[in-house]
């Protein structure tokens, strides 16, 4: 689950709204809180995550510290055509991976604390996905835009992972699905094939 979260950190953040407004959902980047030095448990409970969004977003205004919220992370996925099964009758399906993280939200107060969340997010993503960009010359710019940013911490209470990767099929069918995905130009299918090879 941690590998999926770290490799696919753009989460769908979902919060209950009022009966009139309904639920709120915002896509946003999420990182592990660098100040948290604990060990991740099997269900991720006890861990801490950080995120941020635009304060003009109605979701931010509705967000309450102490409330339980949901972060949904989507990993590799792809359509499985019945042609790869080489049997009839058959039915198509969709292989997919996801992690649902539940946790208690804490709004982070103060410009400097919010700036630290933004800087930590940059460090995390430049290290994992970037080209080593040095943010030092942009910190004055960060300070200008940070008042419009709302940062929060999630204290994780639990998580569920779903890895539906043709495990119910015989080994030879799993191999055909993986080979089919790996041979496509779509990088999403290729990533699913790699994950199928990684998992038992």
N, C-alpha and C. Protein backbone atom coordinates (compact mmCIF):
# COMPACT_ATOMS: atom_id res chain seq x y z
N UNK A 1 0.83 -1.20 0.00
CA UNK A 1 0.00 0.00 0.00
C UNK A 1 0.87 1.26 0.00
N UNK A 2 1.97 1.22 0.78
CA UNK A 2 2.84 2.40 0.82
C UNK A 2 3.49 2.67 -0.53
N UNK A 3 3.91 1.60 -1.21
CA UNK A 3 4.50 1.78 -2.53
C UNK A 3 3.51 2.43 -3.49
N UNK A 4 2.25 1.99 -3.42
CA UNK A 4 1.24 2.57 -4.31
C UNK A 4 1.01 4.04 -3.98
N UNK A 5 0.93 4.38 -2.71
CA UNK A 5 0.72 5.77 -2.30
C UNK A 5 1.89 6.65 -2.74
N UNK A 6 3.11 6.17 -2.50
CA UNK A 6 4.29 6.96 -2.85
C UNK A 6 4.44 7.11 -4.36
N UNK A 7 4.07 6.09 -5.11
CA UNK A 7 4.19 6.16 -6.56
C UNK A 7 3.04 6.86 -7.25
N UNK A 8 1.92 7.02 -6.53
CA UNK A 8 0.72 7.65 -7.09
C UNK A 8 0.14 8.62 -6.07
N UNK A 9 0.88 9.70 -5.75
CA UNK A 9 0.53 10.53 -4.59
C UNK A 9 -0.56 11.57 -4.81
N UNK A 10 -1.13 11.63 -6.02
CA UNK A 10 -2.24 12.56 -6.23
C UNK A 10 -3.50 11.87 -5.75
N UNK A 11 -3.97 12.26 -4.57
CA UNK A 11 -5.09 11.59 -3.92
C UNK A 11 -6.40 12.32 -4.21
N UNK A 12 -7.49 11.59 -4.14
CA UNK A 12 -8.82 12.19 -4.11
C UNK A 12 -9.19 12.30 -2.64
N UNK A 13 -9.29 13.52 -2.15
CA UNK A 13 -9.57 13.81 -0.73
C UNK A 13 -11.07 14.04 -0.60
N UNK A 14 -11.73 13.23 0.21
CA UNK A 14 -13.20 13.25 0.31
C UNK A 14 -13.61 13.56 1.74
N UNK A 15 -14.52 14.53 1.88
CA UNK A 15 -15.03 14.93 3.19
C UNK A 15 -16.55 15.01 3.14
N UNK A 16 -17.18 14.72 4.27
CA UNK A 16 -18.62 14.91 4.36
C UNK A 16 -18.94 16.39 4.32
N UNK A 17 -19.98 16.73 3.61
CA UNK A 17 -20.47 18.10 3.63
C UNK A 17 -21.81 18.16 4.34
N UNK A 18 -22.43 19.29 4.25
CA UNK A 18 -23.77 19.44 4.84
C UNK A 18 -24.78 18.70 3.96
N UNK A 19 -25.97 18.42 4.49
CA UNK A 19 -27.00 17.79 3.65
C UNK A 19 -27.31 18.61 2.40
N UNK A 20 -27.17 19.92 2.48
CA UNK A 20 -27.44 20.77 1.32
C UNK A 20 -26.30 20.71 0.30
N UNK A 21 -25.06 20.77 0.79
CA UNK A 21 -23.90 20.82 -0.12
C UNK A 21 -23.48 19.44 -0.60
N UNK A 22 -23.73 18.41 0.22
CA UNK A 22 -23.27 17.08 -0.12
C UNK A 22 -21.78 16.92 0.16
N UNK A 23 -21.20 15.77 -0.23
CA UNK A 23 -19.78 15.55 0.04
C UNK A 23 -18.87 16.44 -0.82
N UNK A 24 -17.67 16.69 -0.33
CA UNK A 24 -16.65 17.44 -1.06
C UNK A 24 -15.56 16.47 -1.50
N UNK A 25 -15.03 16.68 -2.69
CA UNK A 25 -13.94 15.85 -3.20
C UNK A 25 -12.96 16.74 -3.97
N UNK A 26 -11.69 16.64 -3.61
CA UNK A 26 -10.64 17.44 -4.23
C UNK A 26 -9.43 16.57 -4.52
N UNK A 27 -8.92 16.63 -5.75
CA UNK A 27 -7.65 15.98 -6.06
C UNK A 27 -6.51 16.87 -5.56
N UNK A 28 -5.58 16.27 -4.82
CA UNK A 28 -4.46 17.04 -4.29
C UNK A 28 -3.28 16.14 -3.97
N UNK A 29 -2.08 16.73 -3.96
CA UNK A 29 -0.88 15.95 -3.65
C UNK A 29 -0.75 15.69 -2.16
N UNK A 30 -0.29 14.50 -1.81
CA UNK A 30 -0.15 14.10 -0.41
C UNK A 30 1.24 13.50 -0.20
N UNK A 31 1.86 13.84 0.91
CA UNK A 31 3.16 13.28 1.27
C UNK A 31 3.12 12.76 2.70
N UNK A 32 4.11 11.92 3.03
CA UNK A 32 4.30 11.53 4.42
C UNK A 32 4.82 12.74 5.18
N UNK A 33 4.31 12.96 6.37
CA UNK A 33 4.76 14.06 7.22
C UNK A 33 6.22 13.80 7.59
N UNK A 34 7.16 14.68 7.14
CA UNK A 34 8.58 14.43 7.43
C UNK A 34 8.92 14.52 8.91
N UNK A 35 8.05 15.13 9.71
CA UNK A 35 8.31 15.22 11.16
C UNK A 35 7.87 13.96 11.89
N UNK A 36 7.13 13.08 11.19
CA UNK A 36 6.69 11.83 11.81
C UNK A 36 7.75 10.77 11.55
N UNK A 37 8.27 10.18 12.60
CA UNK A 37 9.37 9.21 12.46
C UNK A 37 8.97 7.81 12.91
N UNK A 38 7.68 7.57 13.03
CA UNK A 38 7.22 6.26 13.46
C UNK A 38 7.33 5.21 12.36
N UNK A 39 6.96 3.99 12.71
CA UNK A 39 6.95 2.88 11.76
C UNK A 39 5.53 2.69 11.23
N UNK A 40 5.41 2.44 9.94
CA UNK A 40 4.10 2.19 9.36
C UNK A 40 3.58 0.82 9.79
N UNK A 41 2.35 0.77 10.25
CA UNK A 41 1.72 -0.50 10.60
C UNK A 41 1.13 -1.14 9.34
N UNK A 42 0.68 -2.38 9.45
CA UNK A 42 0.13 -3.08 8.29
C UNK A 42 -1.07 -2.35 7.69
N UNK A 43 -1.90 -1.74 8.54
CA UNK A 43 -3.06 -1.01 8.01
C UNK A 43 -2.81 0.50 7.98
N UNK A 44 -1.53 0.88 8.13
CA UNK A 44 -1.07 2.28 8.07
C UNK A 44 -1.54 3.15 9.23
N UNK A 45 -2.31 2.58 10.16
CA UNK A 45 -2.80 3.38 11.28
C UNK A 45 -1.63 3.90 12.10
N UNK A 46 -1.79 5.12 12.61
CA UNK A 46 -0.75 5.77 13.38
C UNK A 46 0.16 6.64 12.54
N UNK A 47 0.14 6.45 11.22
CA UNK A 47 0.97 7.26 10.34
C UNK A 47 0.42 8.66 10.17
N UNK A 48 1.23 9.54 9.59
CA UNK A 48 0.79 10.92 9.37
C UNK A 48 1.12 11.34 7.94
N UNK A 49 0.17 12.03 7.34
CA UNK A 49 0.30 12.53 5.98
C UNK A 49 0.04 14.03 5.96
N UNK A 50 0.59 14.70 4.96
CA UNK A 50 0.37 16.14 4.77
C UNK A 50 -0.21 16.40 3.39
N UNK A 51 -1.09 17.41 3.33
CA UNK A 51 -1.64 17.84 2.05
C UNK A 51 -1.94 19.32 2.08
N UNK A 52 -2.27 19.86 0.92
CA UNK A 52 -2.66 21.27 0.87
C UNK A 52 -3.57 21.50 -0.32
N UNK A 53 -4.38 22.57 -0.22
CA UNK A 53 -5.30 22.94 -1.28
C UNK A 53 -5.49 24.45 -1.26
N UNK A 54 -6.16 24.95 -2.27
CA UNK A 54 -6.45 26.38 -2.36
C UNK A 54 -7.50 26.75 -1.32
N UNK A 55 -7.24 27.81 -0.56
CA UNK A 55 -8.20 28.25 0.45
C UNK A 55 -9.52 28.73 -0.16
N UNK A 56 -9.50 29.10 -1.46
CA UNK A 56 -10.74 29.53 -2.11
C UNK A 56 -11.65 28.34 -2.44
N UNK A 57 -11.12 27.14 -2.34
CA UNK A 57 -11.90 25.93 -2.59
C UNK A 57 -12.96 25.80 -1.49
N UNK A 58 -14.24 25.64 -1.84
CA UNK A 58 -15.28 25.46 -0.81
C UNK A 58 -15.00 24.28 0.12
N UNK A 59 -14.25 23.31 -0.39
CA UNK A 59 -13.87 22.15 0.43
C UNK A 59 -13.07 22.60 1.66
N UNK A 60 -12.13 23.56 1.46
CA UNK A 60 -11.32 24.05 2.58
C UNK A 60 -12.20 24.71 3.63
N UNK A 61 -13.15 25.51 3.17
CA UNK A 61 -14.02 26.21 4.12
C UNK A 61 -14.88 25.25 4.92
N UNK A 62 -15.24 24.12 4.30
CA UNK A 62 -16.09 23.13 4.98
C UNK A 62 -15.29 22.17 5.86
N UNK A 63 -13.97 22.13 5.66
CA UNK A 63 -13.13 21.18 6.37
C UNK A 63 -13.01 21.57 7.85
N UNK A 64 -13.19 20.59 8.72
CA UNK A 64 -13.13 20.85 10.16
C UNK A 64 -12.07 19.98 10.80
N UNK A 65 -11.20 20.61 11.60
CA UNK A 65 -10.22 19.83 12.37
C UNK A 65 -10.97 18.87 13.28
N UNK A 66 -10.45 17.65 13.38
CA UNK A 66 -11.08 16.63 14.19
C UNK A 66 -12.04 15.74 13.44
N UNK A 67 -12.37 16.11 12.21
CA UNK A 67 -13.29 15.29 11.42
C UNK A 67 -12.54 14.15 10.74
N UNK A 68 -13.25 13.06 10.48
CA UNK A 68 -12.68 11.91 9.79
C UNK A 68 -12.90 12.09 8.29
N UNK A 69 -11.84 11.90 7.52
CA UNK A 69 -11.88 12.10 6.08
C UNK A 69 -11.28 10.89 5.37
N UNK A 70 -11.40 10.88 4.05
CA UNK A 70 -10.94 9.76 3.23
C UNK A 70 -10.00 10.27 2.15
N UNK A 71 -8.87 9.59 1.99
CA UNK A 71 -7.96 9.83 0.88
C UNK A 71 -7.95 8.57 0.02
N UNK A 72 -8.24 8.72 -1.26
CA UNK A 72 -8.24 7.59 -2.19
C UNK A 72 -7.09 7.74 -3.16
N UNK A 73 -6.21 6.75 -3.19
CA UNK A 73 -5.07 6.73 -4.11
C UNK A 73 -5.33 5.66 -5.16
N UNK A 74 -5.20 6.03 -6.42
CA UNK A 74 -5.43 5.09 -7.52
C UNK A 74 -4.10 4.73 -8.17
N UNK A 75 -3.82 3.44 -8.25
CA UNK A 75 -2.59 2.96 -8.87
C UNK A 75 -2.84 2.47 -10.29
N UNK A 76 -1.93 1.67 -10.82
CA UNK A 76 -2.08 1.17 -12.19
C UNK A 76 -3.37 0.39 -12.38
N UNK A 77 -3.95 0.50 -13.59
CA UNK A 77 -5.20 -0.21 -13.89
C UNK A 77 -5.35 -0.36 -15.40
N UNK A 78 -6.21 -1.28 -15.81
CA UNK A 78 -6.43 -1.46 -17.24
C UNK A 78 -7.54 -2.45 -17.53
N UNK A 79 -8.14 -2.29 -18.69
CA UNK A 79 -9.23 -3.16 -19.17
C UNK A 79 -8.67 -4.51 -19.60
N UNK A 80 -9.34 -5.58 -19.18
CA UNK A 80 -8.95 -6.93 -19.58
C UNK A 80 -9.98 -7.46 -20.57
N UNK A 81 -9.56 -7.65 -21.80
CA UNK A 81 -10.46 -8.19 -22.82
C UNK A 81 -10.56 -9.70 -22.66
N UNK A 82 -11.76 -10.27 -22.86
CA UNK A 82 -11.90 -11.73 -22.77
C UNK A 82 -11.06 -12.49 -23.78
N UNK A 83 -10.57 -11.81 -24.82
CA UNK A 83 -9.75 -12.51 -25.83
C UNK A 83 -8.49 -13.11 -25.21
N UNK A 84 -7.97 -12.49 -24.13
CA UNK A 84 -6.74 -13.03 -23.53
C UNK A 84 -7.00 -14.31 -22.73
N UNK A 85 -8.26 -14.56 -22.37
CA UNK A 85 -8.56 -15.78 -21.63
C UNK A 85 -8.47 -17.01 -22.52
N UNK A 86 -8.80 -16.83 -23.81
CA UNK A 86 -8.80 -17.91 -24.80
C UNK A 86 -9.75 -19.04 -24.41
N UNK A 87 -10.85 -18.67 -23.74
CA UNK A 87 -11.92 -19.63 -23.42
C UNK A 87 -13.26 -18.93 -23.62
N UNK A 88 -14.28 -19.75 -23.88
CA UNK A 88 -15.64 -19.25 -23.99
C UNK A 88 -16.54 -20.18 -23.19
N UNK A 89 -17.49 -19.66 -22.43
CA UNK A 89 -17.82 -18.25 -22.27
C UNK A 89 -16.81 -17.53 -21.36
N UNK A 90 -16.77 -16.21 -21.48
CA UNK A 90 -15.89 -15.38 -20.66
C UNK A 90 -16.53 -14.00 -20.53
N UNK A 91 -16.04 -13.23 -19.61
CA UNK A 91 -16.56 -11.87 -19.41
C UNK A 91 -15.39 -10.91 -19.24
N UNK A 92 -15.51 -9.69 -19.78
CA UNK A 92 -14.44 -8.71 -19.59
C UNK A 92 -14.41 -8.22 -18.15
N UNK A 93 -13.30 -7.63 -17.78
CA UNK A 93 -13.19 -7.07 -16.43
C UNK A 93 -12.18 -5.93 -16.47
N UNK A 94 -11.92 -5.36 -15.32
CA UNK A 94 -10.95 -4.27 -15.20
C UNK A 94 -10.02 -4.62 -14.05
N UNK A 95 -8.74 -4.73 -14.34
CA UNK A 95 -7.75 -4.90 -13.27
C UNK A 95 -7.43 -3.51 -12.72
N UNK A 96 -7.33 -3.41 -11.40
CA UNK A 96 -7.05 -2.10 -10.81
C UNK A 96 -6.39 -2.24 -9.45
N UNK A 97 -5.80 -1.15 -9.01
CA UNK A 97 -5.17 -1.08 -7.70
C UNK A 97 -5.55 0.24 -7.05
N UNK A 98 -5.83 0.19 -5.76
CA UNK A 98 -6.18 1.42 -5.05
C UNK A 98 -5.94 1.23 -3.56
N UNK A 99 -5.79 2.37 -2.88
CA UNK A 99 -5.68 2.37 -1.42
C UNK A 99 -6.60 3.46 -0.88
N UNK A 100 -7.43 3.10 0.07
CA UNK A 100 -8.31 4.06 0.75
C UNK A 100 -7.77 4.29 2.15
N UNK A 101 -7.41 5.52 2.44
CA UNK A 101 -6.84 5.87 3.73
C UNK A 101 -7.85 6.72 4.51
N UNK A 102 -8.18 6.29 5.72
CA UNK A 102 -9.06 7.04 6.61
C UNK A 102 -8.21 7.73 7.66
N UNK A 103 -8.60 8.95 8.04
CA UNK A 103 -7.83 9.63 9.05
C UNK A 103 -8.51 10.88 9.56
N UNK A 104 -8.00 11.36 10.68
CA UNK A 104 -8.52 12.56 11.32
C UNK A 104 -7.72 13.75 10.82
N UNK A 105 -8.43 14.77 10.36
CA UNK A 105 -7.76 15.94 9.78
C UNK A 105 -7.45 16.98 10.86
N UNK A 106 -6.31 17.63 10.68
CA UNK A 106 -5.93 18.76 11.53
C UNK A 106 -5.50 19.89 10.61
N UNK A 107 -6.25 20.98 10.59
CA UNK A 107 -5.84 22.14 9.80
C UNK A 107 -4.57 22.74 10.40
N UNK A 108 -3.64 23.10 9.54
CA UNK A 108 -2.37 23.67 9.99
C UNK A 108 -2.48 25.19 9.92
N UNK A 109 -2.21 25.83 11.01
CA UNK A 109 -2.35 27.29 11.11
C UNK A 109 -1.00 27.98 10.92
N UNK A 110 -1.04 29.19 10.40
CA UNK A 110 0.16 30.02 10.31
C UNK A 110 0.85 29.94 8.96
N UNK A 111 1.32 31.10 8.50
CA UNK A 111 1.99 31.19 7.20
C UNK A 111 3.25 30.34 7.16
N UNK A 112 4.08 30.42 8.21
CA UNK A 112 5.35 29.68 8.20
C UNK A 112 5.12 28.18 8.21
N UNK A 113 4.14 27.72 8.98
CA UNK A 113 3.85 26.29 9.02
C UNK A 113 3.31 25.81 7.67
N UNK A 114 2.47 26.63 7.04
CA UNK A 114 1.95 26.28 5.73
C UNK A 114 3.07 26.27 4.70
N UNK A 115 3.96 27.25 4.78
CA UNK A 115 5.11 27.29 3.87
C UNK A 115 5.96 26.04 4.02
N UNK A 116 6.12 25.55 5.24
CA UNK A 116 6.90 24.33 5.47
C UNK A 116 6.26 23.13 4.78
N UNK A 117 4.92 23.06 4.79
CA UNK A 117 4.24 21.96 4.10
C UNK A 117 4.51 22.05 2.60
N UNK A 118 4.43 23.25 2.04
CA UNK A 118 4.69 23.42 0.61
C UNK A 118 6.13 23.04 0.28
N UNK A 119 7.08 23.51 1.08
CA UNK A 119 8.49 23.18 0.85
C UNK A 119 8.74 21.68 0.98
N UNK A 120 8.13 21.04 1.96
CA UNK A 120 8.29 19.60 2.12
C UNK A 120 7.72 18.84 0.93
N UNK A 121 6.61 19.35 0.41
CA UNK A 121 6.00 18.72 -0.76
C UNK A 121 6.92 18.83 -1.97
N UNK A 122 7.51 20.02 -2.16
CA UNK A 122 8.46 20.21 -3.27
C UNK A 122 9.65 19.27 -3.11
N UNK A 123 10.23 19.21 -1.91
CA UNK A 123 11.39 18.33 -1.69
C UNK A 123 11.05 16.88 -2.00
N UNK A 124 9.88 16.43 -1.54
CA UNK A 124 9.47 15.05 -1.75
C UNK A 124 9.32 14.74 -3.23
N UNK A 125 8.62 15.59 -3.95
CA UNK A 125 8.33 15.30 -5.35
C UNK A 125 9.50 15.57 -6.27
N UNK A 126 10.33 16.56 -5.96
CA UNK A 126 11.54 16.75 -6.77
C UNK A 126 12.46 15.54 -6.62
N UNK A 127 12.51 15.00 -5.39
CA UNK A 127 13.35 13.82 -5.16
C UNK A 127 12.83 12.58 -5.87
N UNK A 128 11.51 12.43 -5.90
CA UNK A 128 10.92 11.22 -6.48
C UNK A 128 10.65 11.33 -7.98
N UNK A 129 10.24 12.51 -8.44
CA UNK A 129 9.78 12.64 -9.82
C UNK A 129 10.46 13.75 -10.62
N UNK A 130 11.17 14.65 -9.94
CA UNK A 130 11.70 15.83 -10.61
C UNK A 130 13.12 15.67 -11.10
N UNK A 131 13.75 16.82 -11.37
CA UNK A 131 15.11 16.85 -11.89
C UNK A 131 16.06 17.58 -10.93
N UNK A 132 15.71 17.57 -9.64
CA UNK A 132 16.58 18.20 -8.66
C UNK A 132 16.48 19.71 -8.63
N UNK A 133 15.31 20.25 -8.97
CA UNK A 133 15.12 21.70 -8.99
C UNK A 133 15.39 22.29 -7.61
N UNK A 134 16.13 23.40 -7.58
CA UNK A 134 16.46 24.11 -6.35
C UNK A 134 15.43 25.23 -6.15
N UNK A 135 14.65 25.12 -5.09
CA UNK A 135 13.57 26.08 -4.86
C UNK A 135 14.03 27.38 -4.21
N UNK A 136 15.30 27.48 -3.82
CA UNK A 136 15.76 28.60 -3.00
C UNK A 136 15.48 29.96 -3.65
N UNK A 137 15.60 30.05 -4.97
CA UNK A 137 15.37 31.34 -5.63
C UNK A 137 13.89 31.64 -5.82
N UNK A 138 13.04 30.70 -5.48
CA UNK A 138 11.59 30.90 -5.62
C UNK A 138 10.88 31.06 -4.28
N UNK A 139 11.63 31.08 -3.19
CA UNK A 139 10.99 31.15 -1.87
C UNK A 139 10.22 32.45 -1.66
N UNK A 140 10.73 33.56 -2.20
CA UNK A 140 9.98 34.82 -2.08
C UNK A 140 8.65 34.72 -2.80
N UNK A 141 8.65 34.04 -3.95
CA UNK A 141 7.41 33.82 -4.68
C UNK A 141 6.47 32.92 -3.87
N UNK A 142 7.02 31.87 -3.26
CA UNK A 142 6.22 30.99 -2.40
C UNK A 142 5.52 31.80 -1.31
N UNK A 143 6.27 32.72 -0.70
CA UNK A 143 5.71 33.51 0.40
C UNK A 143 4.54 34.38 -0.08
N UNK A 144 4.58 34.79 -1.34
CA UNK A 144 3.49 35.60 -1.88
C UNK A 144 2.22 34.77 -2.09
N UNK A 145 2.39 33.51 -2.48
CA UNK A 145 1.20 32.70 -2.80
C UNK A 145 0.69 31.86 -1.62
N UNK A 146 1.54 31.65 -0.61
CA UNK A 146 1.17 30.78 0.51
C UNK A 146 -0.06 31.27 1.30
N UNK A 147 -0.33 32.58 1.41
CA UNK A 147 -1.55 32.97 2.12
C UNK A 147 -2.83 32.41 1.49
N UNK A 148 -2.76 32.02 0.22
CA UNK A 148 -3.94 31.44 -0.44
C UNK A 148 -3.97 29.92 -0.32
N UNK A 149 -3.02 29.35 0.41
CA UNK A 149 -2.91 27.89 0.54
C UNK A 149 -3.40 27.44 1.91
N UNK A 150 -4.19 26.39 1.93
CA UNK A 150 -4.62 25.76 3.17
C UNK A 150 -3.94 24.41 3.32
N UNK A 151 -3.14 24.25 4.37
CA UNK A 151 -2.41 23.00 4.61
C UNK A 151 -3.08 22.22 5.73
N UNK A 152 -2.93 20.91 5.68
CA UNK A 152 -3.54 20.06 6.71
C UNK A 152 -2.70 18.81 6.93
N UNK A 153 -2.90 18.22 8.08
CA UNK A 153 -2.27 16.96 8.46
C UNK A 153 -3.37 15.92 8.62
N UNK A 154 -3.09 14.70 8.19
CA UNK A 154 -4.01 13.59 8.41
C UNK A 154 -3.34 12.59 9.35
N UNK A 155 -3.98 12.33 10.48
CA UNK A 155 -3.53 11.26 11.38
C UNK A 155 -4.29 10.00 10.97
N UNK A 156 -3.57 9.07 10.38
CA UNK A 156 -4.20 7.90 9.76
C UNK A 156 -4.77 6.97 10.83
N UNK A 157 -6.04 6.59 10.63
CA UNK A 157 -6.68 5.64 11.54
C UNK A 157 -6.79 4.25 10.93
N UNK A 158 -6.53 4.13 9.63
CA UNK A 158 -6.56 2.83 8.98
C UNK A 158 -6.61 2.98 7.47
N UNK A 159 -6.33 1.87 6.78
CA UNK A 159 -6.35 1.89 5.32
C UNK A 159 -6.71 0.52 4.79
N UNK A 160 -7.32 0.51 3.60
CA UNK A 160 -7.61 -0.73 2.91
C UNK A 160 -7.04 -0.64 1.50
N UNK A 161 -6.33 -1.68 1.10
CA UNK A 161 -5.80 -1.74 -0.25
C UNK A 161 -6.59 -2.73 -1.08
N UNK A 162 -6.78 -2.42 -2.36
CA UNK A 162 -7.44 -3.33 -3.29
C UNK A 162 -6.49 -3.55 -4.46
N UNK A 163 -6.06 -4.78 -4.63
CA UNK A 163 -5.16 -5.13 -5.72
C UNK A 163 -5.84 -6.24 -6.52
N UNK A 164 -6.67 -5.85 -7.48
CA UNK A 164 -7.40 -6.80 -8.32
C UNK A 164 -6.61 -6.98 -9.61
N UNK A 165 -5.83 -8.05 -9.66
CA UNK A 165 -4.88 -8.24 -10.75
C UNK A 165 -4.96 -9.66 -11.33
N UNK A 166 -6.18 -10.12 -11.57
CA UNK A 166 -6.43 -11.44 -12.18
C UNK A 166 -5.99 -12.60 -11.29
N UNK A 167 -5.89 -12.38 -9.97
CA UNK A 167 -5.45 -13.46 -9.09
C UNK A 167 -6.39 -14.65 -9.10
N UNK A 168 -7.67 -14.40 -9.47
CA UNK A 168 -8.64 -15.51 -9.45
C UNK A 168 -8.50 -16.43 -10.66
N UNK A 169 -7.67 -16.03 -11.62
CA UNK A 169 -7.49 -16.81 -12.84
C UNK A 169 -6.33 -17.80 -12.70
N UNK A 170 -6.36 -18.88 -13.50
CA UNK A 170 -5.22 -19.81 -13.50
C UNK A 170 -3.92 -19.09 -13.88
N UNK A 171 -2.79 -19.66 -13.50
CA UNK A 171 -1.49 -19.02 -13.75
C UNK A 171 -1.28 -18.67 -15.21
N UNK A 172 -1.69 -19.58 -16.12
CA UNK A 172 -1.45 -19.32 -17.54
C UNK A 172 -2.28 -18.14 -18.05
N UNK A 173 -3.47 -17.95 -17.49
CA UNK A 173 -4.30 -16.80 -17.88
C UNK A 173 -3.70 -15.52 -17.31
N UNK A 174 -3.25 -15.57 -16.07
CA UNK A 174 -2.57 -14.40 -15.48
C UNK A 174 -1.38 -13.99 -16.34
N UNK A 175 -0.63 -14.99 -16.81
CA UNK A 175 0.54 -14.70 -17.66
C UNK A 175 0.09 -14.02 -18.95
N UNK A 176 -1.00 -14.47 -19.55
CA UNK A 176 -1.47 -13.87 -20.80
C UNK A 176 -1.96 -12.44 -20.58
N UNK A 177 -2.65 -12.21 -19.46
CA UNK A 177 -3.10 -10.85 -19.15
C UNK A 177 -1.88 -9.93 -18.97
N UNK A 178 -0.91 -10.39 -18.20
CA UNK A 178 0.29 -9.59 -17.95
C UNK A 178 1.04 -9.31 -19.27
N UNK A 179 1.17 -10.33 -20.12
CA UNK A 179 1.86 -10.14 -21.39
C UNK A 179 1.10 -9.19 -22.30
N UNK A 180 -0.23 -9.30 -22.28
CA UNK A 180 -1.07 -8.40 -23.08
C UNK A 180 -0.88 -6.96 -22.64
N UNK A 181 -0.91 -6.73 -21.33
CA UNK A 181 -0.72 -5.38 -20.79
C UNK A 181 0.69 -4.86 -21.10
N UNK A 182 1.69 -5.73 -20.92
CA UNK A 182 3.07 -5.31 -21.12
C UNK A 182 3.40 -4.97 -22.56
N UNK A 183 2.63 -5.53 -23.49
CA UNK A 183 2.89 -5.28 -24.91
C UNK A 183 2.17 -4.07 -25.48
N UNK A 184 1.40 -3.37 -24.67
CA UNK A 184 0.66 -2.20 -25.16
C UNK A 184 1.51 -0.94 -25.06
N UNK A 185 1.13 0.05 -25.86
CA UNK A 185 1.84 1.33 -25.81
C UNK A 185 1.41 2.16 -24.61
N UNK A 186 0.21 1.90 -24.10
CA UNK A 186 -0.32 2.66 -22.96
C UNK A 186 0.53 2.41 -21.71
N UNK A 187 1.11 3.47 -21.16
CA UNK A 187 1.97 3.31 -20.00
C UNK A 187 1.21 2.82 -18.77
N UNK A 188 -0.08 3.13 -18.70
CA UNK A 188 -0.90 2.67 -17.57
C UNK A 188 -1.00 1.14 -17.57
N UNK A 189 -1.20 0.55 -18.77
CA UNK A 189 -1.24 -0.90 -18.88
C UNK A 189 0.13 -1.51 -18.58
N UNK A 190 1.20 -0.87 -19.06
CA UNK A 190 2.54 -1.37 -18.80
C UNK A 190 2.85 -1.37 -17.31
N UNK A 191 2.43 -0.30 -16.60
CA UNK A 191 2.64 -0.22 -15.16
C UNK A 191 1.86 -1.32 -14.44
N UNK A 192 0.66 -1.64 -14.94
CA UNK A 192 -0.13 -2.72 -14.34
C UNK A 192 0.57 -4.05 -14.53
N UNK A 193 1.14 -4.26 -15.71
CA UNK A 193 1.88 -5.51 -15.98
C UNK A 193 3.07 -5.64 -15.03
N UNK A 194 3.79 -4.55 -14.79
CA UNK A 194 4.93 -4.59 -13.89
C UNK A 194 4.50 -4.94 -12.47
N UNK A 195 3.37 -4.37 -12.05
CA UNK A 195 2.88 -4.65 -10.71
C UNK A 195 2.41 -6.10 -10.60
N UNK A 196 1.79 -6.63 -11.66
CA UNK A 196 1.38 -8.04 -11.67
C UNK A 196 2.59 -8.95 -11.51
N UNK A 197 3.73 -8.56 -12.09
CA UNK A 197 4.95 -9.36 -11.98
C UNK A 197 5.54 -9.27 -10.57
N UNK A 198 5.30 -8.16 -9.91
CA UNK A 198 5.89 -7.92 -8.58
C UNK A 198 5.15 -8.65 -7.49
N UNK A 199 3.81 -8.70 -7.60
CA UNK A 199 3.00 -9.28 -6.52
C UNK A 199 2.91 -10.80 -6.67
N UNK A 200 2.85 -11.51 -5.54
CA UNK A 200 2.73 -12.98 -5.60
C UNK A 200 1.37 -13.41 -6.13
